[in-house]
N, C-alpha and C. Protein backbone atom coordinates (compact mmCIF):
# COMPACT_ATOMS: atom_id res chain seq x y z
N MET A 1 134.13 39.57 104.52
CA MET A 1 134.09 39.56 103.11
C MET A 1 133.61 40.41 102.27
N GLY A 2 133.48 40.22 101.27
CA GLY A 2 133.67 41.48 99.89
C GLY A 2 132.97 41.15 99.11
N VAL A 3 131.72 41.35 98.68
CA VAL A 3 131.49 40.83 97.86
C VAL A 3 130.18 41.88 96.98
N ASP A 4 130.87 42.65 95.59
CA ASP A 4 130.61 43.49 94.32
C ASP A 4 129.97 42.06 92.77
N THR A 5 128.52 42.71 93.14
CA THR A 5 127.45 42.22 92.63
C THR A 5 127.71 42.21 90.90
N SER A 6 126.56 41.47 90.50
CA SER A 6 125.97 41.67 88.91
C SER A 6 126.38 40.11 88.50
N LEU A 7 125.34 40.27 87.43
CA LEU A 7 124.21 39.17 86.92
C LEU A 7 125.79 38.21 86.42
N ARG A 8 126.41 38.89 85.16
CA ARG A 8 127.01 37.58 84.42
C ARG A 8 127.99 37.76 86.01
N SER A 9 129.30 38.76 85.48
CA SER A 9 130.60 38.26 87.22
C SER A 9 130.44 39.29 88.46
N THR A 10 130.47 38.49 88.67
CA THR A 10 130.02 38.97 90.61
C THR A 10 131.46 38.46 91.48
N GLY A 11 131.65 39.60 91.71
CA GLY A 11 133.29 39.65 92.34
C GLY A 11 133.09 39.00 93.81
N TYR A 12 133.60 38.76 94.58
CA TYR A 12 134.53 38.60 96.38
C TYR A 12 136.03 38.19 96.50
N GLY A 13 135.96 38.97 97.62
CA GLY A 13 136.82 38.90 98.31
C GLY A 13 136.39 38.79 99.41
N VAL A 14 137.65 38.13 99.87
CA VAL A 14 137.93 37.45 101.59
C VAL A 14 139.93 37.18 102.17
N VAL A 15 139.24 38.64 102.96
CA VAL A 15 140.12 39.33 103.62
C VAL A 15 140.34 39.18 105.64
N ASP A 16 141.51 38.41 105.93
CA ASP A 16 141.66 38.98 107.66
C ASP A 16 142.40 40.20 107.80
N LEU A 17 141.68 40.36 109.12
CA LEU A 17 141.46 41.73 109.76
C LEU A 17 142.88 41.81 110.62
N PHE A 18 143.63 42.06 110.69
CA PHE A 18 144.68 42.20 112.24
C PHE A 18 143.82 43.38 112.73
N ALA A 19 144.63 43.17 114.13
CA ALA A 19 144.38 44.08 115.55
C ALA A 19 144.93 45.16 115.66
N ASP A 20 145.38 44.59 115.01
CA ASP A 20 146.48 46.17 114.59
C ASP A 20 146.33 46.91 113.36
N GLY A 21 145.61 46.26 112.23
CA GLY A 21 144.91 47.34 111.16
C GLY A 21 145.24 46.68 110.42
N SER A 22 146.45 45.93 109.53
CA SER A 22 146.44 45.56 109.00
C SER A 22 145.96 44.16 108.48
N MET A 23 146.05 43.39 107.36
CA MET A 23 144.96 43.49 106.59
C MET A 23 146.14 42.39 105.11
N ASN A 24 145.12 40.95 105.46
CA ASN A 24 145.61 40.28 103.94
C ASN A 24 144.50 39.01 103.22
N VAL A 25 144.96 39.12 101.88
CA VAL A 25 144.07 38.75 101.35
C VAL A 25 143.77 36.77 101.21
N ILE A 26 143.26 36.16 101.98
CA ILE A 26 142.81 35.08 101.63
C ILE A 26 142.33 34.57 100.37
N ASP A 27 141.11 34.94 99.84
CA ASP A 27 140.27 34.25 98.25
C ASP A 27 139.68 35.59 97.36
N CYS A 28 139.83 35.10 96.82
CA CYS A 28 139.34 36.36 95.67
C CYS A 28 139.09 36.11 94.24
N GLY A 29 138.04 36.08 94.78
CA GLY A 29 138.24 35.83 92.14
C GLY A 29 136.77 36.27 91.90
N ILE A 30 136.05 35.78 91.15
CA ILE A 30 134.29 36.43 90.87
C ILE A 30 133.84 35.29 90.17
N ILE A 31 132.45 34.94 90.45
CA ILE A 31 131.72 33.86 89.55
C ILE A 31 130.65 34.18 88.21
N LYS A 32 131.31 34.07 87.44
CA LYS A 32 131.61 33.67 86.07
C LYS A 32 130.99 33.70 85.68
N ASN A 33 129.30 34.08 84.62
CA ASN A 33 128.11 33.16 84.09
C ASN A 33 128.72 33.72 83.04
N LYS A 34 127.80 32.31 81.87
CA LYS A 34 128.06 33.07 80.38
C LYS A 34 127.11 33.43 80.21
N ALA A 35 127.04 34.21 79.42
CA ALA A 35 125.80 35.00 78.46
C ALA A 35 125.20 33.97 77.80
N LYS A 36 125.32 32.40 77.65
CA LYS A 36 124.60 32.06 76.91
C LYS A 36 123.31 31.13 78.27
N LEU A 37 123.86 31.68 79.60
CA LEU A 37 122.76 31.41 80.35
C LEU A 37 121.59 31.80 80.23
N SER A 38 121.08 31.46 81.08
CA SER A 38 119.51 31.96 81.57
C SER A 38 119.57 33.44 82.79
N GLN A 39 118.57 33.75 82.67
CA GLN A 39 118.84 35.24 84.27
C GLN A 39 118.76 34.07 85.25
N LEU A 40 116.97 32.89 84.82
CA LEU A 40 117.67 32.44 86.05
C LEU A 40 118.34 31.83 86.60
N ASP A 41 118.64 30.57 85.94
CA ASP A 41 120.27 30.25 85.78
C ASP A 41 121.23 30.71 87.03
N CYS A 42 121.67 32.43 85.93
CA CYS A 42 122.90 32.88 86.71
C CYS A 42 121.73 32.98 88.29
N LEU A 43 120.62 33.89 87.99
CA LEU A 43 120.92 33.65 90.12
C LEU A 43 120.63 32.35 90.86
N LYS A 44 120.59 30.87 90.04
CA LYS A 44 120.81 30.27 90.14
C LYS A 44 122.77 29.63 90.63
N ARG A 45 123.27 30.11 89.63
CA ARG A 45 124.72 29.73 90.10
C ARG A 45 124.89 31.16 91.11
N LEU A 46 124.47 31.89 91.96
CA LEU A 46 125.99 32.90 92.18
C LEU A 46 124.21 33.14 93.46
N HIS A 47 123.39 31.80 93.62
CA HIS A 47 122.92 32.31 94.85
C HIS A 47 123.68 30.92 95.23
N LEU A 48 123.66 29.84 94.88
CA LEU A 48 124.37 28.33 95.21
C LEU A 48 126.13 28.32 95.69
N ALA A 49 127.19 29.94 94.78
CA ALA A 49 128.06 30.12 94.67
C ALA A 49 128.40 30.75 95.76
N VAL A 50 127.87 32.04 96.46
CA VAL A 50 128.21 32.97 97.44
C VAL A 50 128.15 31.87 98.37
N THR A 51 127.04 31.22 98.78
CA THR A 51 126.43 29.88 99.72
C THR A 51 127.69 28.46 99.92
N GLN A 52 128.77 29.02 99.05
CA GLN A 52 129.67 27.84 98.95
C GLN A 52 130.50 28.63 99.47
N LEU A 53 131.04 30.19 99.04
CA LEU A 53 131.83 30.57 99.81
C LEU A 53 131.34 31.02 101.31
N LEU A 54 130.80 30.87 102.12
CA LEU A 54 130.40 31.10 103.35
C LEU A 54 130.44 30.09 103.76
N ASP A 55 130.42 28.80 103.52
CA ASP A 55 130.84 27.30 104.34
C ASP A 55 132.23 27.33 104.10
N LEU A 56 133.04 27.79 103.43
CA LEU A 56 134.41 27.41 102.98
C LEU A 56 135.45 28.47 104.00
N TYR A 57 134.32 29.93 103.54
CA TYR A 57 135.69 30.98 104.95
C TYR A 57 134.95 31.31 106.02
N LYS A 58 133.86 30.78 106.10
CA LYS A 58 133.13 31.34 107.92
C LYS A 58 133.68 32.50 107.36
N PRO A 59 133.06 34.03 107.07
CA PRO A 59 133.40 34.90 107.70
C PRO A 59 132.93 35.76 108.29
N ASP A 60 133.51 36.45 109.54
CA ASP A 60 133.09 37.17 110.48
C ASP A 60 131.71 38.44 110.27
N HIS A 61 131.71 39.26 108.37
CA HIS A 61 131.41 40.32 108.79
C HIS A 61 130.86 40.16 106.90
N ILE A 62 130.13 40.60 106.52
CA ILE A 62 129.79 40.88 104.30
C ILE A 62 129.72 42.26 104.66
N SER A 63 130.41 42.50 104.07
CA SER A 63 130.75 43.99 102.79
C SER A 63 129.74 43.44 101.59
N ILE A 64 128.87 44.57 101.01
CA ILE A 64 128.43 44.21 99.73
C ILE A 64 127.88 45.65 99.01
N GLU A 65 128.26 45.47 97.65
CA GLU A 65 128.01 46.95 96.90
C GLU A 65 126.86 46.91 97.39
N GLY A 66 126.04 48.43 97.65
CA GLY A 66 124.51 49.09 97.77
C GLY A 66 124.03 49.07 97.28
N THR A 67 122.70 49.56 96.41
CA THR A 67 121.85 50.05 96.06
C THR A 67 122.57 50.19 94.26
N PHE A 68 121.93 49.99 93.30
CA PHE A 68 122.88 50.46 92.15
C PHE A 68 121.40 51.79 91.34
N TYR A 69 122.09 52.83 90.61
CA TYR A 69 121.36 53.37 90.69
C TYR A 69 122.27 53.52 88.68
N SER A 70 121.22 53.44 87.60
CA SER A 70 121.23 53.93 86.13
C SER A 70 120.15 54.48 85.64
N LYS A 71 120.92 55.05 85.06
CA LYS A 71 119.76 55.91 84.33
C LYS A 71 118.82 55.34 83.08
N PHE A 72 118.92 53.78 83.00
CA PHE A 72 118.32 52.55 82.30
C PHE A 72 117.85 52.15 83.49
N ALA A 73 116.84 51.67 83.12
CA ALA A 73 116.13 50.82 84.14
C ALA A 73 115.75 48.90 83.74
N LYS A 74 116.31 48.76 82.68
CA LYS A 74 116.83 47.37 82.48
C LYS A 74 118.38 46.78 83.29
N THR A 75 118.70 47.95 82.89
CA THR A 75 120.23 47.63 83.72
C THR A 75 120.03 46.74 85.75
N ALA A 76 119.66 48.43 85.79
CA ALA A 76 119.31 48.83 87.32
C ALA A 76 118.18 47.59 88.35
N MET A 77 117.47 46.56 86.88
CA MET A 77 116.71 45.26 87.06
C MET A 77 117.39 44.23 87.88
N ILE A 78 118.08 44.11 86.27
CA ILE A 78 119.11 43.21 86.29
C ILE A 78 120.62 43.71 87.52
N LEU A 79 120.68 43.61 87.76
CA LEU A 79 121.69 44.44 88.87
C LEU A 79 120.56 43.93 90.37
N GLY A 80 119.67 44.77 90.14
CA GLY A 80 118.72 44.05 91.55
C GLY A 80 117.99 42.75 91.09
N MET A 81 118.15 42.20 90.55
CA MET A 81 117.86 40.51 90.72
C MET A 81 119.37 39.99 90.66
N ALA A 82 119.99 40.24 90.62
CA ALA A 82 121.87 39.70 90.98
C ALA A 82 122.09 39.63 92.94
N ARG A 83 121.79 40.97 92.86
CA ARG A 83 121.63 41.28 94.40
C ARG A 83 120.99 41.10 95.29
N GLY A 84 119.72 40.33 94.85
CA GLY A 84 118.89 40.26 95.53
C GLY A 84 118.98 38.63 95.78
N SER A 85 119.70 38.14 94.74
CA SER A 85 120.40 35.97 94.91
C SER A 85 121.55 36.42 95.74
N VAL A 86 122.31 37.21 95.95
CA VAL A 86 123.46 37.32 96.75
C VAL A 86 122.60 37.43 97.96
N LEU A 87 121.81 39.17 98.26
CA LEU A 87 121.08 39.05 99.36
C LEU A 87 120.86 38.19 100.17
N SER A 88 120.26 37.15 99.44
CA SER A 88 119.77 35.80 99.96
C SER A 88 119.93 34.79 100.35
N ALA A 89 121.26 34.84 100.11
CA ALA A 89 122.29 33.21 100.32
C ALA A 89 123.06 34.11 101.88
N LEU A 90 123.64 35.07 101.67
CA LEU A 90 123.63 36.63 102.84
C LEU A 90 122.58 35.81 103.42
N ALA A 91 120.90 35.77 103.26
CA ALA A 91 120.04 36.94 104.68
C ALA A 91 120.24 34.30 105.67
N GLY A 92 120.89 33.35 104.47
CA GLY A 92 120.06 32.10 105.20
C GLY A 92 121.52 31.95 106.25
N THR A 93 122.09 33.54 106.29
CA THR A 93 123.02 33.21 107.46
C THR A 93 122.40 34.06 108.83
N GLU A 94 123.02 34.53 110.44
CA GLU A 94 123.96 34.58 111.37
C GLU A 94 124.72 36.15 110.48
N LEU A 95 124.94 36.67 110.52
CA LEU A 95 126.61 36.96 109.46
C LEU A 95 125.94 38.83 109.45
N PRO A 96 126.34 39.66 109.94
CA PRO A 96 125.93 41.29 109.92
C PRO A 96 126.43 41.20 108.69
N VAL A 97 125.43 41.64 107.49
CA VAL A 97 125.33 42.38 106.40
C VAL A 97 126.23 43.88 106.47
N TRP A 98 126.22 44.63 105.40
CA TRP A 98 127.36 45.97 105.74
C TRP A 98 126.79 46.74 104.68
N GLU A 99 126.25 47.13 104.26
CA GLU A 99 125.75 48.31 102.99
C GLU A 99 127.50 49.10 102.58
N TYR A 100 127.57 49.13 101.23
CA TYR A 100 128.48 50.22 100.93
C TYR A 100 128.67 50.46 99.81
N ALA A 101 128.02 52.69 99.38
CA ALA A 101 127.96 52.73 97.96
C ALA A 101 129.06 52.99 97.64
N PRO A 102 129.13 52.32 96.23
CA PRO A 102 129.94 52.99 96.15
C PRO A 102 131.57 53.60 95.20
N LYS A 103 130.22 54.72 95.90
CA LYS A 103 131.77 56.12 95.95
C LYS A 103 132.30 55.72 97.56
N ARG A 104 131.70 54.99 97.59
CA ARG A 104 132.74 54.98 99.57
C ARG A 104 133.34 54.14 99.55
N ALA A 105 133.66 53.12 99.19
CA ALA A 105 134.77 52.06 98.65
C ALA A 105 135.41 53.00 97.81
N LYS A 106 135.06 53.39 97.08
CA LYS A 106 136.18 54.28 96.52
C LYS A 106 136.70 54.86 97.54
N GLN A 107 136.79 55.88 98.47
CA GLN A 107 137.17 57.03 98.57
C GLN A 107 137.49 56.45 100.00
N ALA A 108 137.36 55.13 100.58
CA ALA A 108 138.13 54.53 101.61
C ALA A 108 139.18 54.45 100.88
N ILE A 109 139.56 53.84 100.03
CA ILE A 109 140.50 52.68 99.68
C ILE A 109 141.55 54.17 98.65
N THR A 110 140.46 55.52 98.32
CA THR A 110 141.80 55.82 96.72
C THR A 110 141.38 57.97 97.49
N GLY A 111 141.07 57.33 98.74
CA GLY A 111 140.38 59.25 99.27
C GLY A 111 139.46 59.79 97.98
N SER A 112 139.10 59.23 97.12
CA SER A 112 138.38 60.44 96.09
C SER A 112 137.38 58.80 95.52
N GLY A 113 135.66 59.13 95.89
CA GLY A 113 134.29 58.80 95.33
C GLY A 113 134.67 58.89 94.68
N ASN A 114 135.56 59.73 93.03
CA ASN A 114 135.36 58.98 91.65
C ASN A 114 136.88 58.20 91.31
N SER A 115 137.26 57.82 92.17
CA SER A 115 138.06 56.85 91.49
C SER A 115 138.31 56.06 90.20
N SER A 116 138.78 55.17 89.29
CA SER A 116 138.80 54.39 88.12
C SER A 116 138.89 53.01 89.38
N LYS A 117 138.45 52.39 88.14
CA LYS A 117 138.76 50.87 88.81
C LYS A 117 140.30 50.39 88.61
N GLU A 118 140.99 50.99 87.78
CA GLU A 118 142.78 50.96 87.43
C GLU A 118 143.61 51.77 88.91
N GLN A 119 142.20 52.31 89.52
CA GLN A 119 143.02 53.40 91.13
C GLN A 119 142.61 53.03 91.43
N VAL A 120 140.99 51.64 91.97
CA VAL A 120 140.93 50.58 92.92
C VAL A 120 142.14 49.90 93.29
N ALA A 121 142.34 49.16 92.28
CA ALA A 121 143.10 47.89 92.13
C ALA A 121 144.87 48.77 92.55
N THR A 122 145.20 49.69 91.98
CA THR A 122 146.42 49.86 91.95
C THR A 122 147.02 49.99 94.05
N MET A 123 145.36 50.97 94.33
CA MET A 123 145.71 50.98 95.93
C MET A 123 145.50 49.72 96.83
N ILE A 124 143.76 48.85 95.91
CA ILE A 124 144.68 47.55 96.45
C ILE A 124 145.41 47.05 97.04
N ALA A 125 145.87 46.67 95.69
CA ALA A 125 147.35 45.77 95.85
C ALA A 125 148.53 46.16 96.99
N GLY A 126 148.56 47.56 97.07
CA GLY A 126 149.20 49.23 98.16
C GLY A 126 148.30 47.94 99.48
N ILE A 127 147.58 48.10 99.50
CA ILE A 127 146.88 48.03 100.82
C ILE A 127 147.01 46.69 101.79
N LEU A 128 146.94 45.83 100.45
CA LEU A 128 147.23 44.26 100.62
C LEU A 128 148.07 43.20 100.97
N LYS A 129 149.10 44.26 100.03
CA LYS A 129 150.35 43.52 99.35
C LYS A 129 149.61 42.54 99.13
N ALA A 130 150.01 42.76 97.84
CA ALA A 130 149.65 41.78 96.84
C ALA A 130 148.90 42.30 95.75
N ASP A 131 150.43 41.33 94.36
CA ASP A 131 150.13 41.67 93.79
C ASP A 131 148.74 41.39 92.85
N ILE A 132 147.81 42.21 92.64
CA ILE A 132 146.06 42.14 91.45
C ILE A 132 146.82 41.51 90.61
N SER A 133 147.93 41.70 89.37
CA SER A 133 148.19 42.27 88.04
C SER A 133 147.00 41.65 87.00
N GLN A 134 146.87 40.04 87.90
CA GLN A 134 146.05 39.32 87.18
C GLN A 134 144.80 39.06 87.76
N ILE A 135 144.11 39.72 88.44
CA ILE A 135 142.94 39.38 89.33
C ILE A 135 141.81 40.59 88.58
N ASN A 136 140.90 40.51 88.47
CA ASN A 136 140.17 40.81 87.53
C ASN A 136 138.64 41.48 88.92
N ASP A 137 138.97 43.11 87.68
CA ASP A 137 138.57 44.50 88.21
C ASP A 137 136.91 43.94 89.04
N ASP A 138 136.41 42.74 89.41
CA ASP A 138 135.43 42.63 89.73
C ASP A 138 135.80 41.61 91.16
N ALA A 139 136.93 41.89 90.95
CA ALA A 139 137.08 40.68 92.00
C ALA A 139 137.89 42.20 92.68
N THR A 140 138.82 42.88 91.87
CA THR A 140 139.28 44.01 93.25
C THR A 140 138.56 44.79 93.73
N ASP A 141 137.61 44.98 92.89
CA ASP A 141 136.09 45.72 93.59
C ASP A 141 135.50 45.24 95.04
N ALA A 142 135.24 44.19 95.07
CA ALA A 142 134.90 43.12 96.18
C ALA A 142 135.83 43.27 97.37
N LEU A 143 136.77 43.35 97.16
CA LEU A 143 138.40 43.17 97.90
C LEU A 143 137.96 45.14 98.31
N ALA A 144 137.75 45.66 97.72
CA ALA A 144 137.47 46.77 98.34
C ALA A 144 136.59 47.73 99.36
N LEU A 145 135.72 46.48 98.89
CA LEU A 145 134.04 46.75 99.80
C LEU A 145 135.45 45.86 101.26
N ALA A 146 135.99 44.65 100.73
CA ALA A 146 136.37 43.74 102.59
C ALA A 146 137.36 44.99 102.90
N VAL A 147 138.16 46.40 102.73
CA VAL A 147 138.57 46.93 103.54
C VAL A 147 138.22 48.10 103.77
N CYS A 148 137.60 48.67 102.66
CA CYS A 148 136.76 49.66 103.33
C CYS A 148 135.53 49.56 104.82
N HIS A 149 135.11 48.27 104.99
CA HIS A 149 135.15 47.74 105.37
C HIS A 149 136.10 47.61 107.05
N GLY A 150 136.83 46.82 106.83
CA GLY A 150 138.37 46.39 108.32
C GLY A 150 138.58 47.62 108.23
N GLN A 151 138.43 48.66 108.00
CA GLN A 151 139.27 50.66 108.30
C GLN A 151 137.18 50.86 108.98
N ALA A 152 136.43 50.00 108.87
CA ALA A 152 135.37 51.21 109.49
C ALA A 152 134.73 49.49 110.51
N LEU A 153 136.15 49.26 110.31
CA LEU A 153 135.72 48.12 112.38
C LEU A 153 137.04 48.54 113.04
N ILE A 154 137.88 49.15 112.10
CA ILE A 154 139.22 49.59 113.56
C ILE A 154 139.03 51.01 113.30
N SER A 155 137.67 51.82 113.05
CA SER A 155 137.56 53.19 112.77
C SER A 155 137.60 53.28 115.09
N PRO A 156 137.47 54.53 115.34
CA PRO A 156 137.49 54.28 116.90
C PRO A 156 135.49 55.21 116.57
N LEU A 157 135.21 55.74 115.30
CA LEU A 157 134.13 55.82 115.77
C LEU A 157 133.09 54.45 115.38
N SER A 158 134.09 53.41 115.37
CA SER A 158 133.86 52.02 115.98
C SER A 158 133.20 50.88 116.08
N ASN A 159 132.73 51.38 118.10
CA ASN A 159 132.51 51.18 118.85
C ASN A 159 130.85 51.75 118.80
N LYS A 160 131.16 53.93 118.08
CA LYS A 160 129.94 54.31 118.80
C LYS A 160 128.21 53.88 117.29
N MET A 161 129.36 52.75 116.56
CA MET A 161 128.19 52.43 115.38
C MET A 161 128.13 51.25 116.19
N GLY A 162 128.77 50.63 116.69
CA GLY A 162 127.91 49.45 117.03
C GLY A 162 128.83 47.93 116.62
N LEU A 163 129.77 48.89 115.97
CA LEU A 163 130.43 47.23 114.73
C LEU A 163 131.84 46.64 116.10
N LYS A 164 131.88 45.48 116.09
CA LYS A 164 132.65 45.25 116.52
C LYS A 164 133.83 44.13 115.62
N LEU A 165 134.84 44.16 115.80
CA LEU A 165 135.84 43.18 115.23
C LEU A 165 135.60 41.68 115.71
């Protein structure tokens, strides 16, 4: 399961990884918080929704976007709070949580860490053989995190890194 956090639109993506390295989408979507909700209400909803997704899909691994850097302190703080809410839900499990920098996930999917969201979505559609035309960008970013981790799991280096299917 991959999670791309934000306060108003957190993306999630759940994929199956098979021994041959192929993957398919189980589910993806967004946890949407309306602009009128307070930050505290948004954080509560994120925590609850992620907890429900964990209960529903029972993933073996979680990948989450790493710390976000912004020249705007307020933006960084809000994203940090959203990320903290999601991490708090994940901390309630015994699951391994892997962090990937946004550029690392993009590079794993497209070959370039500077790819656009549209390029990532197009490549995700090809890799997962899925129609992503109606899927929100935050959800395709979450799928990219899940695929990035899936690729790490099947890499010959994975045993050296302690990763296991």
